[in-house]
Amino acid sequence: AAALPEARAYEKRFAAYELSYCEGREREAYERLRRLYDVGKNERLPTLITRLKFLEQKLNIPNEQRIPEGAH
């Protein structure tokens, strides 16, 4: 359901959260979470930021591409 164009933002967010816990799917989860983060402040919830920061570290995302410290 989260993949459908008419899916609600929270469905997409929760699907990306779950994906971020799946071994081998970290890159896909990071890309989905980053797209949500880039939508704007309303999507920048604490869990989204926590999972993004975890994945940035795990995937060795370059510092200049990471979300800023204190992001919200």
PDB file of N, CA and C in Angstrom:
ATOM      1  N   ALA A   1       0.814  -1.197   0.000  1.00  0.00           N
ATOM      2  CA  ALA A   1       0.000   0.000   0.000  1.00  0.00           C
ATOM      3  C   ALA A   1       0.855   1.257   0.000  1.00  0.00           C
ATOM      4  N   ALA A   2       2.002   1.208   0.703  1.00  0.00           N
ATOM      5  CA  ALA A   2       2.847   2.403   0.795  1.00  0.00           C
ATOM      6  C   ALA A   2       3.470   2.776  -0.542  1.00  0.00           C
ATOM      7  N   ALA A   3       3.548   1.833  -1.469  1.00  0.00           N
ATOM      8  CA  ALA A   3       4.164   2.110  -2.769  1.00  0.00           C
ATOM      9  C   ALA A   3       3.193   2.788  -3.740  1.00  0.00           C
ATOM     10  N   LEU A   4       1.925   2.769  -3.433  1.00  0.00           N
ATOM     11  CA  LEU A   4       0.939   3.372  -4.323  1.00  0.00           C
ATOM     12  C   LEU A   4       1.026   4.891  -4.266  1.00  0.00           C
ATOM     13  N   PRO A   5       0.795   5.556  -5.398  1.00  0.00           N
ATOM     14  CA  PRO A   5       0.897   7.021  -5.439  1.00  0.00           C
ATOM     15  C   PRO A   5      -0.027   7.723  -4.447  1.00  0.00           C
ATOM     16  N   GLU A   6      -1.185   7.138  -4.174  1.00  0.00           N
ATOM     17  CA  GLU A   6      -2.138   7.789  -3.278  1.00  0.00           C
ATOM     18  C   GLU A   6      -1.911   7.444  -1.801  1.00  0.00           C
ATOM     19  N   ALA A   7      -0.848   6.719  -1.503  1.00  0.00           N
ATOM     20  CA  ALA A   7      -0.554   6.342  -0.115  1.00  0.00           C
ATOM     21  C   ALA A   7      -0.342   7.585   0.736  1.00  0.00           C
ATOM     22  N   ARG A   8      -0.803   7.508   1.953  1.00  0.00           N
ATOM     23  CA  ARG A   8      -0.627   8.617   2.890  1.00  0.00           C
ATOM     24  C   ARG A   8       0.834   8.703   3.311  1.00  0.00           C
ATOM     25  N   ALA A   9       1.249   9.898   3.681  1.00  0.00           N
ATOM     26  CA  ALA A   9       2.645  10.127   4.066  1.00  0.00           C
ATOM     27  C   ALA A   9       3.055   9.215   5.212  1.00  0.00           C
ATOM     28  N   TYR A  10       2.177   9.023   6.195  1.00  0.00           N
ATOM     29  CA  TYR A  10       2.569   8.188   7.327  1.00  0.00           C
ATOM     30  C   TYR A  10       2.750   6.733   6.919  1.00  0.00           C
ATOM     31  N   GLU A  11       2.000   6.268   5.918  1.00  0.00           N
ATOM     32  CA  GLU A  11       2.188   4.901   5.432  1.00  0.00           C
ATOM     33  C   GLU A  11       3.560   4.751   4.792  1.00  0.00           C
ATOM     34  N   LYS A  12       3.948   5.736   4.002  1.00  0.00           N
ATOM     35  CA  LYS A  12       5.270   5.701   3.374  1.00  0.00           C
ATOM     36  C   LYS A  12       6.366   5.767   4.428  1.00  0.00           C
ATOM     37  N   ARG A  13       6.159   6.614   5.433  1.00  0.00           N
ATOM     38  CA  ARG A  13       7.150   6.771   6.490  1.00  0.00           C
ATOM     39  C   ARG A  13       7.315   5.469   7.272  1.00  0.00           C
ATOM     40  N   PHE A  14       6.212   4.850   7.683  1.00  0.00           N
ATOM     41  CA  PHE A  14       6.305   3.620   8.462  1.00  0.00           C
ATOM     42  C   PHE A  14       6.869   2.468   7.639  1.00  0.00           C
ATOM     43  N   ALA A  15       6.559   2.415   6.359  1.00  0.00           N
ATOM     44  CA  ALA A  15       7.143   1.382   5.499  1.00  0.00           C
ATOM     45  C   ALA A  15       8.657   1.562   5.414  1.00  0.00           C
ATOM     46  N   ALA A  16       9.108   2.805   5.309  1.00  0.00           N
ATOM     47  CA  ALA A  16      10.548   3.076   5.254  1.00  0.00           C
ATOM     48  C   ALA A  16      11.210   2.751   6.585  1.00  0.00           C
ATOM     49  N   TYR A  17      10.532   3.052   7.706  1.00  0.00           N
ATOM     50  CA  TYR A  17      11.083   2.695   9.018  1.00  0.00           C
ATOM     51  C   TYR A  17      11.321   1.196   9.087  1.00  0.00           C
ATOM     52  N   GLU A  18      10.318   0.422   8.730  1.00  0.00           N
ATOM     53  CA  GLU A  18      10.435  -1.036   8.797  1.00  0.00           C
ATOM     54  C   GLU A  18      11.535  -1.542   7.874  1.00  0.00           C
ATOM     55  N   LEU A  19      11.612  -0.985   6.692  1.00  0.00           N
ATOM     56  CA  LEU A  19      12.643  -1.380   5.740  1.00  0.00           C
ATOM     57  C   LEU A  19      14.036  -1.116   6.308  1.00  0.00           C
ATOM     58  N   SER A  20      14.172  -0.069   7.098  1.00  0.00           N
ATOM     59  CA  SER A  20      15.482   0.292   7.648  1.00  0.00           C
ATOM     60  C   SER A  20      16.013  -0.750   8.625  1.00  0.00           C
ATOM     61  N   TYR A  21      15.155  -1.642   9.098  1.00  0.00           N
ATOM     62  CA  TYR A  21      15.579  -2.717  10.000  1.00  0.00           C
ATOM     63  C   TYR A  21      15.888  -4.016   9.258  1.00  0.00           C
ATOM     64  N   CYS A  22      15.693  -4.041   7.947  1.00  0.00           N
ATOM     65  CA  CYS A  22      15.907  -5.251   7.151  1.00  0.00           C
ATOM     66  C   CYS A  22      17.345  -5.300   6.638  1.00  0.00           C
ATOM     67  N   GLU A  23      18.063  -6.310   7.058  1.00  0.00           N
ATOM     68  CA  GLU A  23      19.443  -6.492   6.612  1.00  0.00           C
ATOM     69  C   GLU A  23      19.485  -6.597   5.091  1.00  0.00           C
ATOM     70  N   GLY A  24      20.369  -5.827   4.480  1.00  0.00           N
ATOM     71  CA  GLY A  24      20.517  -5.834   3.036  1.00  0.00           C
ATOM     72  C   GLY A  24      19.628  -4.832   2.309  1.00  0.00           C
ATOM     73  N   ARG A  25      18.729  -4.178   3.016  1.00  0.00           N
ATOM     74  CA  ARG A  25      17.821  -3.209   2.393  1.00  0.00           C
ATOM     75  C   ARG A  25      18.089  -1.789   2.889  1.00  0.00           C
ATOM     76  N   GLU A  26      19.240  -1.600   3.526  1.00  0.00           N
ATOM     77  CA  GLU A  26      19.553  -0.317   4.145  1.00  0.00           C
ATOM     78  C   GLU A  26      19.615   0.829   3.142  1.00  0.00           C
ATOM     79  N   ARG A  27      20.202   0.586   1.981  1.00  0.00           N
ATOM     80  CA  ARG A  27      20.331   1.655   0.982  1.00  0.00           C
ATOM     81  C   ARG A  27      18.951   2.113   0.513  1.00  0.00           C
ATOM     82  N   GLU A  28      18.085   1.171   0.215  1.00  0.00           N
ATOM     83  CA  GLU A  28      16.724   1.516  -0.214  1.00  0.00           C
ATOM     84  C   GLU A  28      15.992   2.282   0.885  1.00  0.00           C
ATOM     85  N   ALA A  29      16.136   1.827   2.122  1.00  0.00           N
ATOM     86  CA  ALA A  29      15.501   2.516   3.250  1.00  0.00           C
ATOM     87  C   ALA A  29      16.040   3.930   3.389  1.00  0.00           C
ATOM     88  N   TYR A  30      17.354   4.076   3.262  1.00  0.00           N
ATOM     89  CA  TYR A  30      17.963   5.403   3.364  1.00  0.00           C
ATOM     90  C   TYR A  30      17.389   6.332   2.294  1.00  0.00           C
ATOM     91  N   GLU A  31      17.318   5.859   1.069  1.00  0.00           N
ATOM     92  CA  GLU A  31      16.809   6.696  -0.021  1.00  0.00           C
ATOM     93  C   GLU A  31      15.360   7.109   0.216  1.00  0.00           C
ATOM     94  N   ARG A  32      14.548   6.185   0.701  1.00  0.00           N
ATOM     95  CA  ARG A  32      13.143   6.511   0.981  1.00  0.00           C
ATOM     96  C   ARG A  32      13.033   7.527   2.120  1.00  0.00           C
ATOM     97  N   LEU A  33      13.784   7.285   3.192  1.00  0.00           N
ATOM     98  CA  LEU A  33      13.732   8.203   4.330  1.00  0.00           C
ATOM     99  C   LEU A  33      14.273   9.574   3.957  1.00  0.00           C
ATOM    100  N   ARG A  34      15.318   9.597   3.155  1.00  0.00           N
ATOM    101  CA  ARG A  34      15.890  10.883   2.753  1.00  0.00           C
ATOM    102  C   ARG A  34      14.901  11.676   1.898  1.00  0.00           C
ATOM    103  N   ARG A  35      14.188  10.980   1.003  1.00  0.00           N
ATOM    104  CA  ARG A  35      13.169  11.670   0.196  1.00  0.00           C
ATOM    105  C   ARG A  35      12.094  12.282   1.096  1.00  0.00           C
ATOM    106  N   LEU A  36      11.675  11.539   2.101  1.00  0.00           N
ATOM    107  CA  LEU A  36      10.680  12.068   3.035  1.00  0.00           C
ATOM    108  C   LEU A  36      11.234  13.266   3.801  1.00  0.00           C
ATOM    109  N   TYR A  37      12.461  13.162   4.258  1.00  0.00           N
ATOM    110  CA  TYR A  37      13.104  14.276   4.968  1.00  0.00           C
ATOM    111  C   TYR A  37      13.136  15.515   4.086  1.00  0.00           C
ATOM    112  N   ASP A  38      13.458  15.321   2.822  1.00  0.00           N
ATOM    113  CA  ASP A  38      13.587  16.440   1.888  1.00  0.00           C
ATOM    114  C   ASP A  38      12.251  17.099   1.542  1.00  0.00           C
ATOM    115  N   VAL A  39      11.133  16.418   1.819  1.00  0.00           N
ATOM    116  CA  VAL A  39       9.811  17.004   1.569  1.00  0.00           C
ATOM    117  C   VAL A  39       9.629  18.263   2.412  1.00  0.00           C
ATOM    118  N   GLY A  40      10.115  18.234   3.635  1.00  0.00           N
ATOM    119  CA  GLY A  40       9.996  19.425   4.478  1.00  0.00           C
ATOM    120  C   GLY A  40       9.854  19.110   5.950  1.00  0.00           C
ATOM    121  N   LYS A  41       9.715  20.162   6.732  1.00  0.00           N
ATOM    122  CA  LYS A  41       9.715  20.054   8.191  1.00  0.00           C
ATOM    123  C   LYS A  41       8.625  19.145   8.747  1.00  0.00           C
ATOM    124  N   ASN A  42       7.481  19.085   8.112  1.00  0.00           N
ATOM    125  CA  ASN A  42       6.392  18.248   8.629  1.00  0.00           C
ATOM    126  C   ASN A  42       6.738  16.766   8.621  1.00  0.00           C
ATOM    127  N   GLU A  43       7.677  16.362   7.794  1.00  0.00           N
ATOM    128  CA  GLU A  43       8.095  14.958   7.725  1.00  0.00           C
ATOM    129  C   GLU A  43       9.283  14.657   8.637  1.00  0.00           C
ATOM    130  N   ARG A  44       9.888  15.663   9.194  1.00  0.00           N
ATOM    131  CA  ARG A  44      11.127  15.489   9.969  1.00  0.00           C
ATOM    132  C   ARG A  44      10.837  15.147  11.424  1.00  0.00           C
ATOM    133  N   LEU A  45      10.251  13.992  11.603  1.00  0.00           N
ATOM    134  CA  LEU A  45       9.897  13.521  12.932  1.00  0.00           C
ATOM    135  C   LEU A  45      11.104  12.855  13.592  1.00  0.00           C
ATOM    136  N   PRO A  46      11.117  12.784  14.927  1.00  0.00           N
ATOM    137  CA  PRO A  46      12.286  12.240  15.632  1.00  0.00           C
ATOM    138  C   PRO A  46      12.720  10.852  15.166  1.00  0.00           C
ATOM    139  N   THR A  47      11.776   9.943  14.941  1.00  0.00           N
ATOM    140  CA  THR A  47      12.158   8.597  14.502  1.00  0.00           C
ATOM    141  C   THR A  47      12.776   8.628  13.117  1.00  0.00           C
ATOM    142  N   LEU A  48      12.241   9.437  12.228  1.00  0.00           N
ATOM    143  CA  LEU A  48      12.803   9.542  10.879  1.00  0.00           C
ATOM    144  C   LEU A  48      14.244  10.042  10.950  1.00  0.00           C
ATOM    145  N   ILE A  49      14.488  11.055  11.747  1.00  0.00           N
ATOM    146  CA  ILE A  49      15.841  11.600  11.872  1.00  0.00           C
ATOM    147  C   ILE A  49      16.778  10.580  12.506  1.00  0.00           C
ATOM    148  N   THR A  50      16.313   9.884  13.538  1.00  0.00           N
ATOM    149  CA  THR A  50      17.131   8.861  14.197  1.00  0.00           C
ATOM    150  C   THR A  50      17.515   7.754  13.230  1.00  0.00           C
ATOM    151  N   ARG A  51      16.558   7.264  12.458  1.00  0.00           N
ATOM    152  CA  ARG A  51      16.845   6.181  11.505  1.00  0.00           C
ATOM    153  C   ARG A  51      17.760   6.671  10.387  1.00  0.00           C
ATOM    154  N   LEU A  52      17.549   7.904   9.918  1.00  0.00           N
ATOM    155  CA  LEU A  52      18.420   8.457   8.877  1.00  0.00           C
ATOM    156  C   LEU A  52      19.860   8.538   9.374  1.00  0.00           C
ATOM    157  N   LYS A  53      20.053   9.058  10.571  1.00  0.00           N
ATOM    158  CA  LYS A  53      21.406   9.193  11.113  1.00  0.00           C
ATOM    159  C   LYS A  53      22.065   7.826  11.286  1.00  0.00           C
ATOM    160  N   PHE A  54      21.301   6.844  11.746  1.00  0.00           N
ATOM    161  CA  PHE A  54      21.820   5.486  11.876  1.00  0.00           C
ATOM    162  C   PHE A  54      22.274   4.956  10.514  1.00  0.00           C
ATOM    163  N   LEU A  55      21.427   5.128   9.493  1.00  0.00           N
ATOM    164  CA  LEU A  55      21.753   4.623   8.158  1.00  0.00           C
ATOM    165  C   LEU A  55      22.898   5.396   7.522  1.00  0.00           C
ATOM    166  N   GLU A  56      22.979   6.694   7.767  1.00  0.00           N
ATOM    167  CA  GLU A  56      24.103   7.477   7.239  1.00  0.00           C
ATOM    168  C   GLU A  56      25.424   6.907   7.742  1.00  0.00           C
ATOM    169  N   GLN A  57      25.444   6.560   9.010  1.00  0.00           N
ATOM    170  CA  GLN A  57      26.666   5.999   9.586  1.00  0.00           C
ATOM    171  C   GLN A  57      26.935   4.597   9.033  1.00  0.00           C
ATOM    172  N   LYS A  58      25.925   3.757   9.014  1.00  0.00           N
ATOM    173  CA  LYS A  58      26.085   2.376   8.544  1.00  0.00           C
ATOM    174  C   LYS A  58      26.513   2.319   7.078  1.00  0.00           C
ATOM    175  N   LEU A  59      25.977   3.225   6.257  1.00  0.00           N
ATOM    176  CA  LEU A  59      26.265   3.230   4.820  1.00  0.00           C
ATOM    177  C   LEU A  59      27.457   4.116   4.455  1.00  0.00           C
ATOM    178  N   ASN A  60      28.084   4.716   5.461  1.00  0.00           N
ATOM    179  CA  ASN A  60      29.232   5.609   5.227  1.00  0.00           C
ATOM    180  C   ASN A  60      28.895   6.728   4.243  1.00  0.00           C
ATOM    181  N   ILE A  61      27.750   7.355   4.452  1.00  0.00           N
ATOM    182  CA  ILE A  61      27.350   8.497   3.627  1.00  0.00           C
ATOM    183  C   ILE A  61      28.339   9.627   3.901  1.00  0.00           C
ATOM    184  N   PRO A  62      28.892  10.271   2.865  1.00  0.00           N
ATOM    185  CA  PRO A  62      29.837  11.375   3.084  1.00  0.00           C
ATOM    186  C   PRO A  62      29.204  12.484   3.936  1.00  0.00           C
ATOM    187  N   ASN A  63      30.014  13.092   4.788  1.00  0.00           N
ATOM    188  CA  ASN A  63      29.523  14.125   5.706  1.00  0.00           C
ATOM    189  C   ASN A  63      28.752  15.226   4.999  1.00  0.00           C
ATOM    190  N   GLU A  64      29.215  15.647   3.836  1.00  0.00           N
ATOM    191  CA  GLU A  64      28.553  16.751   3.139  1.00  0.00           C
ATOM    192  C   GLU A  64      27.174  16.370   2.599  1.00  0.00           C
ATOM    193  N   GLN A  65      26.864  15.073   2.554  1.00  0.00           N
ATOM    194  CA  GLN A  65      25.557  14.619   2.077  1.00  0.00           C
ATOM    195  C   GLN A  65      24.610  14.256   3.225  1.00  0.00           C
ATOM    196  N   ARG A  66      25.111  14.275   4.448  1.00  0.00           N
ATOM    197  CA  ARG A  66      24.294  13.899   5.606  1.00  0.00           C
ATOM    198  C   ARG A  66      23.380  15.044   6.023  1.00  0.00           C
ATOM    199  N   ILE A  67      22.316  14.677   6.729  1.00  0.00           N
ATOM    200  CA  ILE A  67      21.458  15.723   7.272  1.00  0.00           C
ATOM    201  C   ILE A  67      22.239  16.437   8.366  1.00  0.00           C
ATOM    202  N   PRO A  68      21.970  17.721   8.561  1.00  0.00           N
ATOM    203  CA  PRO A  68      22.752  18.483   9.537  1.00  0.00           C
ATOM    204  C   PRO A  68      22.510  18.025  10.975  1.00  0.00           C
ATOM    205  N   GLU A  69      23.525  18.202  11.817  1.00  0.00           N
ATOM    206  CA  GLU A  69      23.371  17.925  13.245  1.00  0.00           C
ATOM    207  C   GLU A  69      22.294  18.848  13.789  1.00  0.00           C
ATOM    208  N   GLY A  70      21.515  18.341  14.715  1.00  0.00           N
ATOM    209  CA  GLY A  70      20.430  19.138  15.274  1.00  0.00           C
ATOM    210  C   GLY A  70      19.272  19.320  14.313  1.00  0.00           C
ATOM    211  N   ALA A  71      19.220  18.476  13.280  1.00  0.00           N
ATOM    212  CA  ALA A  71      18.155  18.587  12.270  1.00  0.00           C
ATOM    213  C   ALA A  71      16.802  18.307  12.898  1.00  0.00           C
ATOM    214  N   HIS A  72      15.829  19.044  12.421  1.00  0.00           N
ATOM    215  CA  HIS A  72      14.432  18.811  12.782  1.00  0.00           C
ATOM    216  C   HIS A  72      13.529  19.629  11.895  1.00  0.00           C
TER     217      HIS A  72
END
